[in-house]
Structures are given as structure tokens and as C-alpha cells.
Amino acid sequence: MSQKPDRSDLEAAAFRRLLAHLDSRKDVQNIELMTLAGFCRNCLANWYQDAAEAAGTPVSKDEAREAIYGMPYSEWKEKYQREATPEELARFKAAQAEHGEGN
């Protein structure tokens, strides 16, 4: 009989699915995520880095970002990140003023 997964197993599976979903939606820019949800891929990398440090296995910012983006951040930016439009920047600033800076 198999053992029932604990909460950490389920959370890890949900996190992996979130990363896979974000990977399948490279068209969604970080600024859009920040404006609508208050977090982005970089926030996830920061949280990953914080968790690694809390667990006693620190990782660098670059290592954390690679874990989230699935490739070096510089490569992801070159391939998928576009320049934010003035409208996106205005919405981002308005969202920050209303909800704070996030992560």
C-alpha cells in the first residue's frame, strides 16, 4: 500500500505545476504578472532563494532564477522579454501605489 503524500509533497507538486504553466506562457510578461497578481517570476526566484537559505542550503540569485525560468535569466530575457510599453509601466506604477511593491 502506498503512503499518503504529506502536505509538503502536495505543495511541491503544485509549485512544479505552476512553474510548468508559467513556462508554457512565456508570452505573459513579468510586468503584467506584477500588475495583475502582485508577483512575478523574479519574485518566485526570490522566494526560492529565501527558502533555500532558511533550509541551510543557500543558492545564488542566478541559481534561483535558473530554477524558476528553466534557463539562465539572461537567456530568458533575450529570448522572451520585450520592452514594456508606456501603458504597461503606467499600470504597474498605479498597481504599486495601490497595493505596495509585492514580494
PDB file of N, CA and C in Angstrom:
ATOM      1  N   MET A   1       0.837  -1.182   0.000  1.00  0.00           N
ATOM      2  CA  MET A   1       0.000   0.000   0.000  1.00  0.00           C
ATOM      3  C   MET A   1       0.885   1.251   0.000  1.00  0.00           C
ATOM      4  N   SER A   2       0.547   2.220  -0.812  1.00  0.00           N
ATOM      5  CA  SER A   2       1.378   3.421  -0.882  1.00  0.00           C
ATOM      6  C   SER A   2       1.047   4.373   0.262  1.00  0.00           C
ATOM      7  N   GLN A   3       2.053   5.143   0.618  1.00  0.00           N
ATOM      8  CA  GLN A   3       1.911   6.095   1.709  1.00  0.00           C
ATOM      9  C   GLN A   3       1.235   7.367   1.193  1.00  0.00           C
ATOM     10  N   LYS A   4       0.352   7.927   2.002  1.00  0.00           N
ATOM     11  CA  LYS A   4      -0.334   9.157   1.634  1.00  0.00           C
ATOM     12  C   LYS A   4       0.691  10.299   1.598  1.00  0.00           C
ATOM     13  N   PRO A   5       0.692  11.098   0.522  1.00  0.00           N
ATOM     14  CA  PRO A   5       1.658  12.198   0.458  1.00  0.00           C
ATOM     15  C   PRO A   5       1.376  13.232   1.548  1.00  0.00           C
ATOM     16  N   ASP A   6       2.447  13.796   2.088  1.00  0.00           N
ATOM     17  CA  ASP A   6       2.240  14.832   3.097  1.00  0.00           C
ATOM     18  C   ASP A   6       2.037  16.189   2.408  1.00  0.00           C
ATOM     19  N   ARG A   7       1.719  17.176   3.192  1.00  0.00           N
ATOM     20  CA  ARG A   7       1.412  18.498   2.657  1.00  0.00           C
ATOM     21  C   ARG A   7       2.574  19.058   1.833  1.00  0.00           C
ATOM     22  N   SER A   8       3.799  18.863   2.297  1.00  0.00           N
ATOM     23  CA  SER A   8       4.966  19.366   1.554  1.00  0.00           C
ATOM     24  C   SER A   8       5.056  18.748   0.165  1.00  0.00           C
ATOM     25  N   ASP A   9       4.745  17.457   0.057  1.00  0.00           N
ATOM     26  CA  ASP A   9       4.755  16.791  -1.250  1.00  0.00           C
ATOM     27  C   ASP A   9       3.725  17.426  -2.186  1.00  0.00           C
ATOM     28  N   LEU A  10       2.550  17.695  -1.651  1.00  0.00           N
ATOM     29  CA  LEU A  10       1.483  18.285  -2.463  1.00  0.00           C
ATOM     30  C   LEU A  10       1.823  19.717  -2.860  1.00  0.00           C
ATOM     31  N   GLU A  11       2.379  20.482  -1.907  1.00  0.00           N
ATOM     32  CA  GLU A  11       2.781  21.852  -2.216  1.00  0.00           C
ATOM     33  C   GLU A  11       3.878  21.873  -3.278  1.00  0.00           C
ATOM     34  N   ALA A  12       4.834  20.959  -3.163  1.00  0.00           N
ATOM     35  CA  ALA A  12       5.918  20.879  -4.150  1.00  0.00           C
ATOM     36  C   ALA A  12       5.362  20.535  -5.530  1.00  0.00           C
ATOM     37  N   ALA A  13       4.401  19.622  -5.579  1.00  0.00           N
ATOM     38  CA  ALA A  13       3.792  19.253  -6.862  1.00  0.00           C
ATOM     39  C   ALA A  13       3.040  20.442  -7.459  1.00  0.00           C
ATOM     40  N   ALA A  14       2.321  21.181  -6.620  1.00  0.00           N
ATOM     41  CA  ALA A  14       1.595  22.357  -7.103  1.00  0.00           C
ATOM     42  C   ALA A  14       2.572  23.420  -7.606  1.00  0.00           C
ATOM     43  N   PHE A  15       3.687  23.596  -6.908  1.00  0.00           N
ATOM     44  CA  PHE A  15       4.698  24.564  -7.321  1.00  0.00           C
ATOM     45  C   PHE A  15       5.311  24.172  -8.665  1.00  0.00           C
ATOM     46  N   ARG A  16       5.623  22.890  -8.826  1.00  0.00           N
ATOM     47  CA  ARG A  16       6.170  22.427 -10.109  1.00  0.00           C
ATOM     48  C   ARG A  16       5.167  22.667 -11.241  1.00  0.00           C
ATOM     49  N   ARG A  17       3.892  22.471 -10.948  1.00  0.00           N
ATOM     50  CA  ARG A  17       2.870  22.706 -11.970  1.00  0.00           C
ATOM     51  C   ARG A  17       2.759  24.194 -12.299  1.00  0.00           C
ATOM     52  N   LEU A  18       2.868  25.050 -11.284  1.00  0.00           N
ATOM     53  CA  LEU A  18       2.871  26.495 -11.523  1.00  0.00           C
ATOM     54  C   LEU A  18       4.047  26.880 -12.417  1.00  0.00           C
ATOM     55  N   LEU A  19       5.232  26.348 -12.126  1.00  0.00           N
ATOM     56  CA  LEU A  19       6.399  26.647 -12.958  1.00  0.00           C
ATOM     57  C   LEU A  19       6.191  26.162 -14.390  1.00  0.00           C
ATOM     58  N   ALA A  20       5.622  24.971 -14.548  1.00  0.00           N
ATOM     59  CA  ALA A  20       5.359  24.443 -15.890  1.00  0.00           C
ATOM     60  C   ALA A  20       4.347  25.329 -16.620  1.00  0.00           C
ATOM     61  N   HIS A  21       3.340  25.796 -15.898  1.00  0.00           N
ATOM     62  CA  HIS A  21       2.339  26.673 -16.505  1.00  0.00           C
ATOM     63  C   HIS A  21       2.981  27.985 -16.953  1.00  0.00           C
ATOM     64  N   LEU A  22       3.785  28.590 -16.070  1.00  0.00           N
ATOM     65  CA  LEU A  22       4.468  29.829 -16.439  1.00  0.00           C
ATOM     66  C   LEU A  22       5.410  29.607 -17.622  1.00  0.00           C
ATOM     67  N   ASP A  23       6.053  28.443 -17.653  1.00  0.00           N
ATOM     68  CA  ASP A  23       6.950  28.130 -18.761  1.00  0.00           C
ATOM     69  C   ASP A  23       6.178  28.028 -20.079  1.00  0.00           C
ATOM     70  N   SER A  24       4.953  27.543 -19.999  1.00  0.00           N
ATOM     71  CA  SER A  24       4.136  27.425 -21.214  1.00  0.00           C
ATOM     72  C   SER A  24       3.535  28.768 -21.633  1.00  0.00           C
ATOM     73  N   ARG A  25       3.647  29.776 -20.759  1.00  0.00           N
ATOM     74  CA  ARG A  25       3.089  31.104 -21.040  1.00  0.00           C
ATOM     75  C   ARG A  25       4.180  32.170 -21.028  1.00  0.00           C
ATOM     76  N   LYS A  26       5.215  31.916 -21.798  1.00  0.00           N
ATOM     77  CA  LYS A  26       6.311  32.882 -21.884  1.00  0.00           C
ATOM     78  C   LYS A  26       5.843  34.205 -22.486  1.00  0.00           C
ATOM     79  N   ASP A  27       4.685  34.187 -23.146  1.00  0.00           N
ATOM     80  CA  ASP A  27       4.124  35.411 -23.702  1.00  0.00           C
ATOM     81  C   ASP A  27       3.654  36.366 -22.615  1.00  0.00           C
ATOM     82  N   VAL A  28       3.392  35.860 -21.423  1.00  0.00           N
ATOM     83  CA  VAL A  28       2.957  36.708 -20.315  1.00  0.00           C
ATOM     84  C   VAL A  28       4.204  37.319 -19.681  1.00  0.00           C
ATOM     85  N   GLN A  29       4.286  38.622 -19.748  1.00  0.00           N
ATOM     86  CA  GLN A  29       5.458  39.337 -19.257  1.00  0.00           C
ATOM     87  C   GLN A  29       5.397  39.515 -17.740  1.00  0.00           C
ATOM     88  N   ASN A  30       6.569  39.621 -17.128  1.00  0.00           N
ATOM     89  CA  ASN A  30       6.635  39.812 -15.683  1.00  0.00           C
ATOM     90  C   ASN A  30       5.900  41.066 -15.230  1.00  0.00           C
ATOM     91  N   ILE A  31       5.988  42.138 -16.012  1.00  0.00           N
ATOM     92  CA  ILE A  31       5.309  43.370 -15.620  1.00  0.00           C
ATOM     93  C   ILE A  31       3.796  43.162 -15.580  1.00  0.00           C
ATOM     94  N   GLU A  32       3.277  42.330 -16.473  1.00  0.00           N
ATOM     95  CA  GLU A  32       1.841  42.025 -16.469  1.00  0.00           C
ATOM     96  C   GLU A  32       1.471  41.223 -15.223  1.00  0.00           C
ATOM     97  N   LEU A  33       2.311  40.251 -14.880  1.00  0.00           N
ATOM     98  CA  LEU A  33       2.069  39.474 -13.662  1.00  0.00           C
ATOM     99  C   LEU A  33       2.083  40.380 -12.434  1.00  0.00           C
ATOM    100  N   MET A  34       3.071  41.262 -12.364  1.00  0.00           N
ATOM    101  CA  MET A  34       3.174  42.166 -11.216  1.00  0.00           C
ATOM    102  C   MET A  34       1.951  43.072 -11.116  1.00  0.00           C
ATOM    103  N   THR A  35       1.501  43.581 -12.243  1.00  0.00           N
ATOM    104  CA  THR A  35       0.357  44.492 -12.241  1.00  0.00           C
ATOM    105  C   THR A  35      -0.921  43.782 -11.799  1.00  0.00           C
ATOM    106  N   LEU A  36      -1.133  42.577 -12.305  1.00  0.00           N
ATOM    107  CA  LEU A  36      -2.384  41.869 -12.030  1.00  0.00           C
ATOM    108  C   LEU A  36      -2.356  41.037 -10.755  1.00  0.00           C
ATOM    109  N   ALA A  37      -1.224  40.418 -10.455  1.00  0.00           N
ATOM    110  CA  ALA A  37      -1.171  39.463  -9.343  1.00  0.00           C
ATOM    111  C   ALA A  37      -0.267  39.902  -8.195  1.00  0.00           C
ATOM    112  N   GLY A  38       0.559  40.907  -8.418  1.00  0.00           N
ATOM    113  CA  GLY A  38       1.437  41.379  -7.354  1.00  0.00           C
ATOM    114  C   GLY A  38       2.689  40.543  -7.160  1.00  0.00           C
ATOM    115  N   PHE A  39       2.956  39.633  -8.084  1.00  0.00           N
ATOM    116  CA  PHE A  39       4.194  38.858  -8.059  1.00  0.00           C
ATOM    117  C   PHE A  39       4.538  38.464  -9.484  1.00  0.00           C
ATOM    118  N   CYS A  40       5.803  38.064  -9.676  1.00  0.00           N
ATOM    119  CA  CYS A  40       6.249  37.635 -10.999  1.00  0.00           C
ATOM    120  C   CYS A  40       7.268  36.512 -10.847  1.00  0.00           C
ATOM    121  N   ARG A  41       7.852  36.117 -11.943  1.00  0.00           N
ATOM    122  CA  ARG A  41       8.851  35.045 -11.910  1.00  0.00           C
ATOM    123  C   ARG A  41      10.039  35.426 -11.031  1.00  0.00           C
ATOM    124  N   ASN A  42      10.442  36.698 -11.071  1.00  0.00           N
ATOM    125  CA  ASN A  42      11.556  37.128 -10.224  1.00  0.00           C
ATOM    126  C   ASN A  42      11.192  37.028  -8.747  1.00  0.00           C
ATOM    127  N   CYS A  43       9.953  37.333  -8.408  1.00  0.00           N
ATOM    128  CA  CYS A  43       9.502  37.171  -7.018  1.00  0.00           C
ATOM    129  C   CYS A  43       9.605  35.707  -6.608  1.00  0.00           C
ATOM    130  N   LEU A  44       9.161  34.807  -7.483  1.00  0.00           N
ATOM    131  CA  LEU A  44       9.269  33.375  -7.186  1.00  0.00           C
ATOM    132  C   LEU A  44      10.722  32.980  -6.960  1.00  0.00           C
ATOM    133  N   ALA A  45      11.625  33.522  -7.772  1.00  0.00           N
ATOM    134  CA  ALA A  45      13.050  33.221  -7.592  1.00  0.00           C
ATOM    135  C   ALA A  45      13.547  33.750  -6.253  1.00  0.00           C
ATOM    136  N   ASN A  46      13.090  34.934  -5.855  1.00  0.00           N
ATOM    137  CA  ASN A  46      13.475  35.472  -4.545  1.00  0.00           C
ATOM    138  C   ASN A  46      12.958  34.586  -3.419  1.00  0.00           C
ATOM    139  N   TRP A  47      11.723  34.126  -3.533  1.00  0.00           N
ATOM    140  CA  TRP A  47      11.149  33.257  -2.502  1.00  0.00           C
ATOM    141  C   TRP A  47      11.876  31.920  -2.463  1.00  0.00           C
ATOM    142  N   TYR A  48      12.248  31.410  -3.633  1.00  0.00           N
ATOM    143  CA  TYR A  48      13.013  30.161  -3.724  1.00  0.00           C
ATOM    144  C   TYR A  48      14.355  30.339  -3.014  1.00  0.00           C
ATOM    145  N   GLN A  49      15.013  31.458  -3.273  1.00  0.00           N
ATOM    146  CA  GLN A  49      16.304  31.739  -2.644  1.00  0.00           C
ATOM    147  C   GLN A  49      16.143  31.863  -1.128  1.00  0.00           C
ATOM    148  N   ASP A  50      15.102  32.536  -0.672  1.00  0.00           N
ATOM    149  CA  ASP A  50      14.829  32.651   0.766  1.00  0.00           C
ATOM    150  C   ASP A  50      14.609  31.281   1.397  1.00  0.00           C
ATOM    151  N   ALA A  51      13.841  30.422   0.718  1.00  0.00           N
ATOM    152  CA  ALA A  51      13.562  29.079   1.243  1.00  0.00           C
ATOM    153  C   ALA A  51      14.833  28.246   1.315  1.00  0.00           C
ATOM    154  N   ALA A  52      15.674  28.356   0.298  1.00  0.00           N
ATOM    155  CA  ALA A  52      16.935  27.607   0.300  1.00  0.00           C
ATOM    156  C   ALA A  52      17.817  28.052   1.461  1.00  0.00           C
ATOM    157  N   GLU A  53      17.882  29.348   1.678  1.00  0.00           N
ATOM    158  CA  GLU A  53      18.688  29.861   2.790  1.00  0.00           C
ATOM    159  C   GLU A  53      18.121  29.405   4.130  1.00  0.00           C
ATOM    160  N   ALA A  54      16.800  29.454   4.279  1.00  0.00           N
ATOM    161  CA  ALA A  54      16.164  29.014   5.523  1.00  0.00           C
ATOM    162  C   ALA A  54      16.404  27.532   5.782  1.00  0.00           C
ATOM    163  N   ALA A  55      16.547  26.751   4.708  1.00  0.00           N
ATOM    164  CA  ALA A  55      16.792  25.311   4.839  1.00  0.00           C
ATOM    165  C   ALA A  55      18.275  24.994   5.037  1.00  0.00           C
ATOM    166  N   GLY A  56      19.108  26.028   5.036  1.00  0.00           N
ATOM    167  CA  GLY A  56      20.533  25.808   5.241  1.00  0.00           C
ATOM    168  C   GLY A  56      21.294  25.414   3.993  1.00  0.00           C
ATOM    169  N   THR A  57      20.679  25.596   2.830  1.00  0.00           N
ATOM    170  CA  THR A  57      21.344  25.290   1.555  1.00  0.00           C
ATOM    171  C   THR A  57      21.226  26.499   0.629  1.00  0.00           C
ATOM    172  N   PRO A  58      21.930  27.574   0.953  1.00  0.00           N
ATOM    173  CA  PRO A  58      21.784  28.797   0.161  1.00  0.00           C
ATOM    174  C   PRO A  58      22.141  28.598  -1.309  1.00  0.00           C
ATOM    175  N   VAL A  59      21.444  29.347  -2.149  1.00  0.00           N
ATOM    176  CA  VAL A  59      21.720  29.379  -3.584  1.00  0.00           C
ATOM    177  C   VAL A  59      21.898  30.840  -3.981  1.00  0.00           C
ATOM    178  N   SER A  60      22.599  31.058  -5.068  1.00  0.00           N
ATOM    179  CA  SER A  60      22.793  32.419  -5.561  1.00  0.00           C
ATOM    180  C   SER A  60      21.516  32.912  -6.247  1.00  0.00           C
ATOM    181  N   LYS A  61      21.459  34.210  -6.465  1.00  0.00           N
ATOM    182  CA  LYS A  61      20.331  34.798  -7.187  1.00  0.00           C
ATOM    183  C   LYS A  61      20.216  34.183  -8.585  1.00  0.00           C
ATOM    184  N   ASP A  62      21.357  34.008  -9.252  1.00  0.00           N
ATOM    185  CA  ASP A  62      21.350  33.405 -10.590  1.00  0.00           C
ATOM    186  C   ASP A  62      20.851  31.966 -10.558  1.00  0.00           C
ATOM    187  N   GLU A  63      21.265  31.192  -9.549  1.00  0.00           N
ATOM    188  CA  GLU A  63      20.804  29.802  -9.425  1.00  0.00           C
ATOM    189  C   GLU A  63      19.305  29.754  -9.164  1.00  0.00           C
ATOM    190  N   ALA A  64      18.817  30.642  -8.313  1.00  0.00           N
ATOM    191  CA  ALA A  64      17.383  30.684  -8.019  1.00  0.00           C
ATOM    192  C   ALA A  64      16.585  31.046  -9.269  1.00  0.00           C
ATOM    193  N   ARG A  65      17.059  32.021 -10.002  1.00  0.00           N
ATOM    194  CA  ARG A  65      16.353  32.419 -11.227  1.00  0.00           C
ATOM    195  C   ARG A  65      16.362  31.302 -12.259  1.00  0.00           C
ATOM    196  N   GLU A  66      17.475  30.592 -12.373  1.00  0.00           N
ATOM    197  CA  GLU A  66      17.527  29.482 -13.328  1.00  0.00           C
ATOM    198  C   GLU A  66      16.548  28.378 -12.928  1.00  0.00           C
ATOM    199  N   ALA A  67      16.377  28.157 -11.621  1.00  0.00           N
ATOM    200  CA  ALA A  67      15.418  27.150 -11.153  1.00  0.00           C
ATOM    201  C   ALA A  67      13.990  27.535 -11.544  1.00  0.00           C
ATOM    202  N   ILE A  68      13.694  28.825 -11.550  1.00  0.00           N
ATOM    203  CA  ILE A  68      12.349  29.291 -11.883  1.00  0.00           C
ATOM    204  C   ILE A  68      12.152  29.407 -13.393  1.00  0.00           C
ATOM    205  N   TYR A  69      13.111  29.992 -14.077  1.00  0.00           N
ATOM    206  CA  TYR A  69      12.984  30.237 -15.515  1.00  0.00           C
ATOM    207  C   TYR A  69      13.305  29.014 -16.368  1.00  0.00           C
ATOM    208  N   GLY A  70      14.006  28.033 -15.796  1.00  0.00           N
ATOM    209  CA  GLY A  70      14.368  26.842 -16.557  1.00  0.00           C
ATOM    210  C   GLY A  70      15.558  27.060 -17.478  1.00  0.00           C
ATOM    211  N   MET A  71      16.201  28.200 -17.353  1.00  0.00           N
ATOM    212  CA  MET A  71      17.383  28.552 -18.144  1.00  0.00           C
ATOM    213  C   MET A  71      18.008  29.769 -17.466  1.00  0.00           C
ATOM    214  N   PRO A  72      19.225  30.118 -17.828  1.00  0.00           N
ATOM    215  CA  PRO A  72      19.790  31.348 -17.258  1.00  0.00           C
ATOM    216  C   PRO A  72      18.875  32.544 -17.549  1.00  0.00           C
ATOM    217  N   TYR A  73      18.731  33.412 -16.561  1.00  0.00           N
ATOM    218  CA  TYR A  73      17.844  34.562 -16.685  1.00  0.00           C
ATOM    219  C   TYR A  73      18.208  35.421 -17.892  1.00  0.00           C
ATOM    220  N   SER A  74      19.499  35.623 -18.119  1.00  0.00           N
ATOM    221  CA  SER A  74      19.922  36.451 -19.256  1.00  0.00           C
ATOM    222  C   SER A  74      19.430  35.865 -20.578  1.00  0.00           C
ATOM    223  N   GLU A  75      19.440  34.550 -20.683  1.00  0.00           N
ATOM    224  CA  GLU A  75      18.948  33.882 -21.894  1.00  0.00           C
ATOM    225  C   GLU A  75      17.441  34.062 -22.035  1.00  0.00           C
ATOM    226  N   TRP A  76      16.703  33.900 -20.929  1.00  0.00           N
ATOM    227  CA  TRP A  76      15.250  34.067 -20.960  1.00  0.00           C
ATOM    228  C   TRP A  76      14.896  35.489 -21.392  1.00  0.00           C
ATOM    229  N   LYS A  77      15.580  36.468 -20.785  1.00  0.00           N
ATOM    230  CA  LYS A  77      15.306  37.868 -21.138  1.00  0.00           C
ATOM    231  C   LYS A  77      15.540  38.120 -22.623  1.00  0.00           C
ATOM    232  N   GLU A  78      16.633  37.611 -23.134  1.00  0.00           N
ATOM    233  CA  GLU A  78      16.964  37.823 -24.544  1.00  0.00           C
ATOM    234  C   GLU A  78      15.921  37.200 -25.471  1.00  0.00           C
ATOM    235  N   LYS A  79      15.444  36.009 -25.108  1.00  0.00           N
ATOM    236  CA  LYS A  79      14.502  35.288 -25.967  1.00  0.00           C
ATOM    237  C   LYS A  79      13.057  35.762 -25.825  1.00  0.00           C
ATOM    238  N   TYR A  80      12.641  36.109 -24.605  1.00  0.00           N
ATOM    239  CA  TYR A  80      11.205  36.270 -24.357  1.00  0.00           C
ATOM    240  C   TYR A  80      10.770  37.625 -23.804  1.00  0.00           C
ATOM    241  N   GLN A  81      11.658  38.370 -23.187  1.00  0.00           N
ATOM    242  CA  GLN A  81      11.225  39.623 -22.573  1.00  0.00           C
ATOM    243  C   GLN A  81      11.250  40.738 -23.597  1.00  0.00           C
ATOM    244  N   ARG A  82      10.159  41.456 -23.661  1.00  0.00           N
ATOM    245  CA  ARG A  82      10.102  42.600 -24.565  1.00  0.00           C
ATOM    246  C   ARG A  82      10.089  43.880 -23.724  1.00  0.00           C
ATOM    247  N   GLU A  83      10.327  44.964 -24.375  1.00  0.00           N
ATOM    248  CA  GLU A  83      10.304  46.267 -23.702  1.00  0.00           C
ATOM    249  C   GLU A  83       8.870  46.563 -23.250  1.00  0.00           C
ATOM    250  N   ALA A  84       8.736  47.030 -22.021  1.00  0.00           N
ATOM    251  CA  ALA A  84       7.407  47.389 -21.511  1.00  0.00           C
ATOM    252  C   ALA A  84       6.912  48.640 -22.235  1.00  0.00           C
ATOM    253  N   THR A  85       5.622  48.636 -22.516  1.00  0.00           N
ATOM    254  CA  THR A  85       5.024  49.805 -23.164  1.00  0.00           C
ATOM    255  C   THR A  85       4.787  50.892 -22.114  1.00  0.00           C
ATOM    256  N   PRO A  86       4.625  52.138 -22.549  1.00  0.00           N
ATOM    257  CA  PRO A  86       4.296  53.198 -21.593  1.00  0.00           C
ATOM    258  C   PRO A  86       3.012  52.892 -20.810  1.00  0.00           C
ATOM    259  N   GLU A  87       2.040  52.269 -21.470  1.00  0.00           N
ATOM    260  CA  GLU A  87       0.789  51.917 -20.799  1.00  0.00           C
ATOM    261  C   GLU A  87       1.028  50.869 -19.708  1.00  0.00           C
ATOM    262  N   GLU A  88       1.854  49.866 -20.009  1.00  0.00           N
ATOM    263  CA  GLU A  88       2.174  48.836 -19.009  1.00  0.00           C
ATOM    264  C   GLU A  88       2.898  49.447 -17.819  1.00  0.00           C
ATOM    265  N   LEU A  89       3.833  50.339 -18.087  1.00  0.00           N
ATOM    266  CA  LEU A  89       4.561  50.996 -16.999  1.00  0.00           C
ATOM    267  C   LEU A  89       3.622  51.829 -16.132  1.00  0.00           C
ATOM    268  N   ALA A  90       2.672  52.518 -16.757  1.00  0.00           N
ATOM    269  CA  ALA A  90       1.705  53.324 -16.001  1.00  0.00           C
ATOM    270  C   ALA A  90       0.819  52.431 -15.134  1.00  0.00           C
ATOM    271  N   ARG A  91       0.337  51.310 -15.692  1.00  0.00           N
ATOM    272  CA  ARG A  91      -0.490  50.380 -14.909  1.00  0.00           C
ATOM    273  C   ARG A  91       0.309  49.785 -13.753  1.00  0.00           C
ATOM    274  N   PHE A  92       1.572  49.463 -14.005  1.00  0.00           N
ATOM    275  CA  PHE A  92       2.448  48.907 -12.976  1.00  0.00           C
ATOM    276  C   PHE A  92       2.626  49.908 -11.833  1.00  0.00           C
ATOM    277  N   LYS A  93       2.913  51.161 -12.170  1.00  0.00           N
ATOM    278  CA  LYS A  93       3.094  52.190 -11.139  1.00  0.00           C
ATOM    279  C   LYS A  93       1.811  52.398 -10.344  1.00  0.00           C
ATOM    280  N   ALA A  94       0.672  52.392 -11.017  1.00  0.00           N
ATOM    281  CA  ALA A  94      -0.613  52.554 -10.329  1.00  0.00           C
ATOM    282  C   ALA A  94      -0.880  51.378  -9.395  1.00  0.00           C
ATOM    283  N   ALA A  95      -0.576  50.170  -9.844  1.00  0.00           N
ATOM    284  CA  ALA A  95      -0.785  48.979  -9.008  1.00  0.00           C
ATOM    285  C   ALA A  95       0.133  49.010  -7.795  1.00  0.00           C
ATOM    286  N   GLN A  96       1.378  49.444  -7.973  1.00  0.00           N
ATOM    287  CA  GLN A  96       2.302  49.544  -6.845  1.00  0.00           C
ATOM    288  C   GLN A  96       1.803  50.559  -5.832  1.00  0.00           C
ATOM    289  N   ALA A  97       1.292  51.679  -6.313  1.00  0.00           N
ATOM    290  CA  ALA A  97       0.781  52.708  -5.414  1.00  0.00           C
ATOM    291  C   ALA A  97      -0.422  52.199  -4.626  1.00  0.00           C
ATOM    292  N   GLU A  98      -1.248  51.390  -5.285  1.00  0.00           N
ATOM    293  CA  GLU A  98      -2.459  50.878  -4.639  1.00  0.00           C
ATOM    294  C   GLU A  98      -2.181  49.700  -3.712  1.00  0.00           C
ATOM    295  N   HIS A  99      -1.295  48.798  -4.126  1.00  0.00           N
ATOM    296  CA  HIS A  99      -1.119  47.539  -3.407  1.00  0.00           C
ATOM    297  C   HIS A  99       0.252  47.353  -2.781  1.00  0.00           C
ATOM    298  N   GLY A 100       1.160  48.266  -2.971  1.00  0.00           N
ATOM    299  CA  GLY A 100       2.516  48.088  -2.461  1.00  0.00           C
ATOM    300  C   GLY A 100       3.385  47.410  -3.496  1.00  0.00           C
ATOM    301  N   GLU A 101       4.644  47.178  -3.118  1.00  0.00           N
ATOM    302  CA  GLU A 101       5.625  46.683  -4.084  1.00  0.00           C
ATOM    303  C   GLU A 101       5.692  45.179  -4.193  1.00  0.00           C
ATOM    304  N   GLY A 102       4.948  44.424  -3.430  1.00  0.00           N
ATOM    305  CA  GLY A 102       4.973  42.961  -3.563  1.00  0.00           C
ATOM    306  C   GLY A 102       6.127  42.330  -2.844  1.00  0.00           C
ATOM    307  N   ASN A 103       6.477  41.160  -3.267  1.00  0.00           N
ATOM    308  CA  ASN A 103       7.401  40.215  -2.660  1.00  0.00           C
ATOM    309  C   ASN A 103       8.116  40.800  -1.496  1.00  0.00           C
TER     310      ASN A 103
END
